[in-house]
Structure formats: C-alpha cells, structure tokens
Amino acid sequence: MAEEKVSQKKGEMSRNDLRRLRRLDLLELLLAEREENERLREEMRQQEIKMQELKCKLEDRRICISKAGSMAEAALALNHIFEDADAAAKQFLDSIREKTEDCSNKN
C-alpha cells in the first residue's frame, strides 16, 4: 500500500486517486505541471542572468578598489618625489645664496 502512495505533499495525489481520473483530467494535470515547470525554468534563467550581472558589478568594484589602492600608492610615491625635489631645490637655492654672498663679500 505504501508503494501505491505518491508523496502526500500539498497538491499531490495518491496513485489510486490518479487511476480514478479520466484521461482528459490526467492530460490537464500534465499540462499544468508542464506550465509550472516552464515558469520555474524561466524564473531560474532570470535569476542566473541577475546573478551574472551582480558578479560583473562585484568584479567592477574589486577593480575600482584595486585601482584606488594603486592610485593611493602612486600618490604617496609622487609625494616623496616632490619632497625630494623640494629639498633639492632648497639646497640649490642655498648654494646660490652662499655663492652670491661670497661674491658680495669679495667685492
């Protein structure tokens, strides 16, 4: 008897119930199941498309974060270059001032 029962989830029928139905009723049940199956496949396809879009957005954000880190590193490197250039310019100006003062003192 247990073999005669299809699982008794909501909306399911026992094998005996199915045997009592006419062919037309069985075909209608089959058609309804097919339509539900197609609807679920379409819903799954839409979810897969959405998932791909979200994966692309996530990858774009990762790239932006990576670039932001690279840009910050580049800015720090440039900052050090400018500091070194500023120090070299000050040293050069100090050297020029010393030479100018030496020339002024000699005259």
N, C-alpha and C. Protein backbone atom coordinates (compact mmCIF):
# COMPACT_ATOMS: atom_id res chain seq x y z
N MET A 1 0.82 -1.19 0.00
CA MET A 1 0.00 0.00 0.00
C MET A 1 0.87 1.26 0.00
N ALA A 2 2.01 1.20 0.68
CA ALA A 2 2.89 2.36 0.73
C ALA A 2 3.42 2.67 -0.65
N GLU A 3 3.64 1.64 -1.46
CA GLU A 3 4.12 1.85 -2.83
C GLU A 3 3.05 2.52 -3.67
N GLU A 4 1.80 2.37 -3.28
CA GLU A 4 0.70 2.92 -4.05
C GLU A 4 0.55 4.42 -3.82
N LYS A 5 1.20 4.94 -2.82
CA LYS A 5 1.05 6.36 -2.50
C LYS A 5 2.19 7.16 -3.11
N VAL A 6 1.82 8.25 -3.73
CA VAL A 6 2.80 9.25 -4.14
C VAL A 6 2.96 10.15 -2.93
N SER A 7 4.11 10.75 -2.74
CA SER A 7 4.31 11.55 -1.53
C SER A 7 3.14 12.51 -1.35
N GLN A 8 2.72 12.68 -0.13
CA GLN A 8 1.50 13.43 0.17
C GLN A 8 1.78 14.90 0.48
N LYS A 9 2.60 15.52 -0.32
CA LYS A 9 2.84 16.96 -0.19
C LYS A 9 1.59 17.68 -0.67
N LYS A 10 1.56 18.96 -0.41
CA LYS A 10 0.42 19.79 -0.80
C LYS A 10 0.18 19.66 -2.30
N GLY A 11 -1.03 19.34 -2.67
CA GLY A 11 -1.42 19.29 -4.08
C GLY A 11 -1.10 17.98 -4.77
N GLU A 12 -0.51 17.01 -4.08
CA GLU A 12 -0.21 15.75 -4.74
C GLU A 12 -1.28 14.73 -4.40
N MET A 13 -1.44 13.77 -5.30
CA MET A 13 -2.49 12.77 -5.16
C MET A 13 -1.86 11.39 -5.02
N SER A 14 -2.65 10.46 -4.44
CA SER A 14 -2.18 9.08 -4.36
C SER A 14 -2.31 8.44 -5.73
N ARG A 15 -1.63 7.32 -5.91
CA ARG A 15 -1.72 6.61 -7.18
C ARG A 15 -3.15 6.17 -7.47
N ASN A 16 -3.87 5.78 -6.43
CA ASN A 16 -5.27 5.38 -6.62
C ASN A 16 -6.12 6.55 -7.12
N ASP A 17 -5.85 7.73 -6.54
CA ASP A 17 -6.59 8.92 -6.98
C ASP A 17 -6.31 9.20 -8.45
N LEU A 18 -5.02 9.05 -8.84
CA LEU A 18 -4.65 9.29 -10.23
C LEU A 18 -5.31 8.27 -11.16
N ARG A 19 -5.41 7.04 -10.71
CA ARG A 19 -6.02 5.98 -11.55
C ARG A 19 -7.51 6.24 -11.79
N ARG A 20 -8.13 6.92 -10.85
CA ARG A 20 -9.57 7.17 -10.99
C ARG A 20 -9.88 8.32 -11.96
N LEU A 21 -8.88 9.11 -12.27
CA LEU A 21 -9.12 10.26 -13.15
C LEU A 21 -9.25 9.82 -14.61
N ARG A 22 -10.02 10.62 -15.35
CA ARG A 22 -10.15 10.36 -16.78
C ARG A 22 -8.89 10.83 -17.49
N ARG A 23 -8.73 10.38 -18.70
CA ARG A 23 -7.56 10.76 -19.48
C ARG A 23 -7.48 12.28 -19.66
N LEU A 24 -8.59 12.90 -19.92
CA LEU A 24 -8.62 14.35 -20.10
C LEU A 24 -8.12 15.05 -18.84
N ASP A 25 -8.58 14.58 -17.69
CA ASP A 25 -8.13 15.17 -16.43
C ASP A 25 -6.63 14.96 -16.23
N LEU A 26 -6.16 13.79 -16.57
CA LEU A 26 -4.73 13.50 -16.46
C LEU A 26 -3.91 14.40 -17.38
N LEU A 27 -4.42 14.60 -18.60
CA LEU A 27 -3.72 15.48 -19.54
C LEU A 27 -3.70 16.92 -19.03
N GLU A 28 -4.79 17.35 -18.42
CA GLU A 28 -4.84 18.70 -17.86
C GLU A 28 -3.84 18.85 -16.71
N LEU A 29 -3.74 17.81 -15.87
CA LEU A 29 -2.75 17.83 -14.79
C LEU A 29 -1.33 17.90 -15.36
N LEU A 30 -1.11 17.08 -16.39
CA LEU A 30 0.20 17.06 -17.02
C LEU A 30 0.54 18.42 -17.63
N LEU A 31 -0.43 19.03 -18.28
CA LEU A 31 -0.24 20.35 -18.89
C LEU A 31 0.06 21.40 -17.81
N ALA A 32 -0.68 21.35 -16.71
CA ALA A 32 -0.46 22.31 -15.62
C ALA A 32 0.94 22.13 -15.04
N GLU A 33 1.38 20.91 -14.88
CA GLU A 33 2.73 20.64 -14.37
C GLU A 33 3.79 21.14 -15.35
N ARG A 34 3.53 20.94 -16.63
CA ARG A 34 4.47 21.40 -17.64
C ARG A 34 4.59 22.93 -17.62
N GLU A 35 3.45 23.61 -17.52
CA GLU A 35 3.46 25.07 -17.47
C GLU A 35 4.20 25.57 -16.23
N GLU A 36 3.99 24.89 -15.10
CA GLU A 36 4.70 25.26 -13.87
C GLU A 36 6.20 25.04 -14.04
N ASN A 37 6.55 23.94 -14.68
CA ASN A 37 7.95 23.63 -14.94
C ASN A 37 8.58 24.72 -15.82
N GLU A 38 7.89 25.12 -16.88
CA GLU A 38 8.40 26.17 -17.76
C GLU A 38 8.54 27.49 -17.03
N ARG A 39 7.55 27.81 -16.18
CA ARG A 39 7.61 29.05 -15.40
C ARG A 39 8.82 29.04 -14.47
N LEU A 40 9.04 27.91 -13.83
CA LEU A 40 10.18 27.80 -12.91
C LEU A 40 11.51 27.88 -13.66
N ARG A 41 11.57 27.27 -14.85
CA ARG A 41 12.79 27.36 -15.65
C ARG A 41 13.08 28.80 -16.05
N GLU A 42 12.04 29.53 -16.45
CA GLU A 42 12.21 30.93 -16.83
C GLU A 42 12.65 31.76 -15.62
N GLU A 43 12.05 31.49 -14.48
CA GLU A 43 12.43 32.20 -13.26
C GLU A 43 13.90 31.90 -12.92
N MET A 44 14.30 30.65 -13.07
CA MET A 44 15.68 30.28 -12.80
C MET A 44 16.63 30.96 -13.79
N ARG A 45 16.23 31.03 -15.06
CA ARG A 45 17.05 31.70 -16.06
C ARG A 45 17.22 33.18 -15.73
N GLN A 46 16.13 33.83 -15.30
CA GLN A 46 16.20 35.24 -14.91
C GLN A 46 17.11 35.43 -13.70
N GLN A 47 17.04 34.50 -12.76
CA GLN A 47 17.90 34.59 -11.57
C GLN A 47 19.37 34.40 -11.96
N GLU A 48 19.64 33.51 -12.91
CA GLU A 48 21.01 33.31 -13.37
C GLU A 48 21.55 34.56 -14.07
N ILE A 49 20.69 35.21 -14.87
CA ILE A 49 21.09 36.46 -15.53
C ILE A 49 21.41 37.52 -14.47
N LYS A 50 20.54 37.63 -13.48
CA LYS A 50 20.74 38.62 -12.42
C LYS A 50 22.03 38.31 -11.65
N MET A 51 22.28 37.02 -11.41
CA MET A 51 23.48 36.63 -10.69
C MET A 51 24.73 37.01 -11.49
N GLN A 52 24.69 36.81 -12.82
CA GLN A 52 25.82 37.19 -13.65
C GLN A 52 26.05 38.70 -13.61
N GLU A 53 24.96 39.47 -13.66
CA GLU A 53 25.08 40.93 -13.58
C GLU A 53 25.71 41.35 -12.26
N LEU A 54 25.28 40.71 -11.17
CA LEU A 54 25.82 41.04 -9.86
C LEU A 54 27.29 40.65 -9.76
N LYS A 55 27.66 39.53 -10.38
CA LYS A 55 29.06 39.12 -10.39
C LYS A 55 29.90 40.15 -11.14
N CYS A 56 29.39 40.66 -12.26
CA CYS A 56 30.10 41.69 -13.02
C CYS A 56 30.27 42.96 -12.20
N LYS A 57 29.20 43.37 -11.51
CA LYS A 57 29.28 44.57 -10.67
C LYS A 57 30.29 44.38 -9.55
N LEU A 58 30.30 43.18 -8.97
CA LEU A 58 31.25 42.89 -7.90
C LEU A 58 32.68 42.96 -8.43
N GLU A 59 32.92 42.40 -9.59
CA GLU A 59 34.25 42.44 -10.19
C GLU A 59 34.66 43.88 -10.50
N ASP A 60 33.71 44.69 -11.00
CA ASP A 60 34.00 46.10 -11.27
C ASP A 60 34.41 46.83 -9.99
N ARG A 61 33.70 46.53 -8.91
CA ARG A 61 34.04 47.17 -7.64
C ARG A 61 35.41 46.73 -7.15
N ARG A 62 35.71 45.45 -7.34
CA ARG A 62 37.03 44.97 -6.93
C ARG A 62 38.11 45.69 -7.71
N ILE A 63 37.87 45.88 -9.00
CA ILE A 63 38.85 46.59 -9.84
C ILE A 63 38.99 48.03 -9.37
N CYS A 64 37.85 48.68 -9.08
CA CYS A 64 37.90 50.07 -8.60
C CYS A 64 38.67 50.16 -7.28
N ILE A 65 38.43 49.22 -6.38
CA ILE A 65 39.13 49.22 -5.10
C ILE A 65 40.62 48.99 -5.33
N SER A 66 40.93 48.09 -6.23
CA SER A 66 42.33 47.82 -6.55
C SER A 66 42.99 49.05 -7.14
N LYS A 67 42.30 49.71 -8.07
CA LYS A 67 42.85 50.92 -8.68
C LYS A 67 43.00 52.03 -7.64
N ALA A 68 42.03 52.12 -6.73
CA ALA A 68 42.11 53.15 -5.69
C ALA A 68 43.33 52.91 -4.84
N GLY A 69 43.60 51.65 -4.51
CA GLY A 69 44.80 51.33 -3.75
C GLY A 69 46.04 51.68 -4.54
N SER A 70 46.04 51.37 -5.82
CA SER A 70 47.19 51.69 -6.67
C SER A 70 47.37 53.19 -6.80
N MET A 71 46.25 53.91 -6.90
CA MET A 71 46.33 55.37 -7.02
C MET A 71 46.86 55.98 -5.72
N ALA A 72 46.45 55.42 -4.59
CA ALA A 72 46.94 55.93 -3.31
C ALA A 72 48.44 55.68 -3.20
N GLU A 73 48.88 54.51 -3.62
CA GLU A 73 50.31 54.20 -3.60
C GLU A 73 51.07 55.14 -4.53
N ALA A 74 50.51 55.40 -5.70
CA ALA A 74 51.15 56.31 -6.65
C ALA A 74 51.22 57.73 -6.08
N ALA A 75 50.14 58.15 -5.40
CA ALA A 75 50.13 59.48 -4.80
C ALA A 75 51.20 59.59 -3.72
N LEU A 76 51.36 58.54 -2.92
CA LEU A 76 52.41 58.56 -1.90
C LEU A 76 53.79 58.62 -2.54
N ALA A 77 53.98 57.84 -3.60
CA ALA A 77 55.27 57.86 -4.29
C ALA A 77 55.54 59.25 -4.87
N LEU A 78 54.52 59.85 -5.50
CA LEU A 78 54.69 61.20 -6.04
C LEU A 78 54.98 62.20 -4.93
N ASN A 79 54.32 62.03 -3.81
CA ASN A 79 54.55 62.92 -2.68
C ASN A 79 56.02 62.87 -2.26
N HIS A 80 56.58 61.67 -2.19
CA HIS A 80 58.00 61.53 -1.83
C HIS A 80 58.90 62.16 -2.91
N ILE A 81 58.53 61.98 -4.16
CA ILE A 81 59.32 62.59 -5.25
C ILE A 81 59.30 64.11 -5.13
N PHE A 82 58.10 64.68 -4.86
CA PHE A 82 58.01 66.13 -4.72
C PHE A 82 58.79 66.62 -3.49
N GLU A 83 58.74 65.86 -2.41
CA GLU A 83 59.51 66.24 -1.21
C GLU A 83 61.00 66.25 -1.53
N ASP A 84 61.47 65.21 -2.23
CA ASP A 84 62.89 65.15 -2.61
C ASP A 84 63.25 66.29 -3.56
N ALA A 85 62.35 66.59 -4.51
CA ALA A 85 62.61 67.68 -5.45
C ALA A 85 62.64 69.02 -4.71
N ASP A 86 61.74 69.20 -3.75
CA ASP A 86 61.70 70.43 -2.96
C ASP A 86 62.99 70.58 -2.15
N ALA A 87 63.43 69.49 -1.55
CA ALA A 87 64.68 69.54 -0.77
C ALA A 87 65.86 69.87 -1.68
N ALA A 88 65.90 69.27 -2.88
CA ALA A 88 66.99 69.55 -3.82
C ALA A 88 66.94 71.01 -4.26
N ALA A 89 65.74 71.55 -4.50
CA ALA A 89 65.61 72.96 -4.91
C ALA A 89 66.07 73.88 -3.80
N LYS A 90 65.71 73.58 -2.55
CA LYS A 90 66.16 74.40 -1.42
C LYS A 90 67.68 74.36 -1.29
N GLN A 91 68.23 73.17 -1.44
CA GLN A 91 69.69 73.02 -1.37
C GLN A 91 70.37 73.84 -2.48
N PHE A 92 69.79 73.79 -3.68
CA PHE A 92 70.33 74.55 -4.80
C PHE A 92 70.28 76.05 -4.51
N LEU A 93 69.12 76.53 -4.01
CA LEU A 93 68.97 77.96 -3.69
C LEU A 93 69.92 78.38 -2.58
N ASP A 94 70.07 77.51 -1.58
CA ASP A 94 71.03 77.83 -0.51
C ASP A 94 72.45 77.94 -1.07
N SER A 95 72.79 77.05 -1.98
CA SER A 95 74.10 77.07 -2.61
C SER A 95 74.29 78.36 -3.40
N ILE A 96 73.27 78.77 -4.15
CA ILE A 96 73.34 80.02 -4.92
C ILE A 96 73.49 81.21 -3.99
N ARG A 97 72.76 81.24 -2.89
CA ARG A 97 72.84 82.34 -1.92
C ARG A 97 74.26 82.42 -1.33
N GLU A 98 74.81 81.26 -0.98
CA GLU A 98 76.17 81.25 -0.43
C GLU A 98 77.17 81.82 -1.44
N LYS A 99 77.05 81.40 -2.68
CA LYS A 99 77.97 81.90 -3.73
C LYS A 99 77.78 83.39 -3.94
N THR A 100 76.52 83.85 -3.89
CA THR A 100 76.22 85.25 -4.08
C THR A 100 76.82 86.06 -2.91
N GLU A 101 76.68 85.55 -1.69
CA GLU A 101 77.23 86.23 -0.52
C GLU A 101 78.76 86.26 -0.59
N ASP A 102 79.36 85.15 -1.04
CA ASP A 102 80.83 85.10 -1.18
C ASP A 102 81.30 86.14 -2.19
N CYS A 103 80.58 86.26 -3.31
CA CYS A 103 80.94 87.24 -4.34
C CYS A 103 80.77 88.66 -3.80
N SER A 104 79.72 88.89 -3.02
CA SER A 104 79.46 90.21 -2.47
C SER A 104 80.53 90.57 -1.44
N ASN A 105 80.96 89.66 -0.65
CA ASN A 105 81.98 89.90 0.37
C ASN A 105 83.35 90.15 -0.25
N LYS A 106 83.64 89.55 -1.37
CA LYS A 106 84.92 89.73 -2.04
C LYS A 106 85.00 91.11 -2.69
N ASN A 107 83.91 91.69 -3.09
CA ASN A 107 83.92 92.99 -3.77
C ASN A 107 83.86 94.05 -2.76
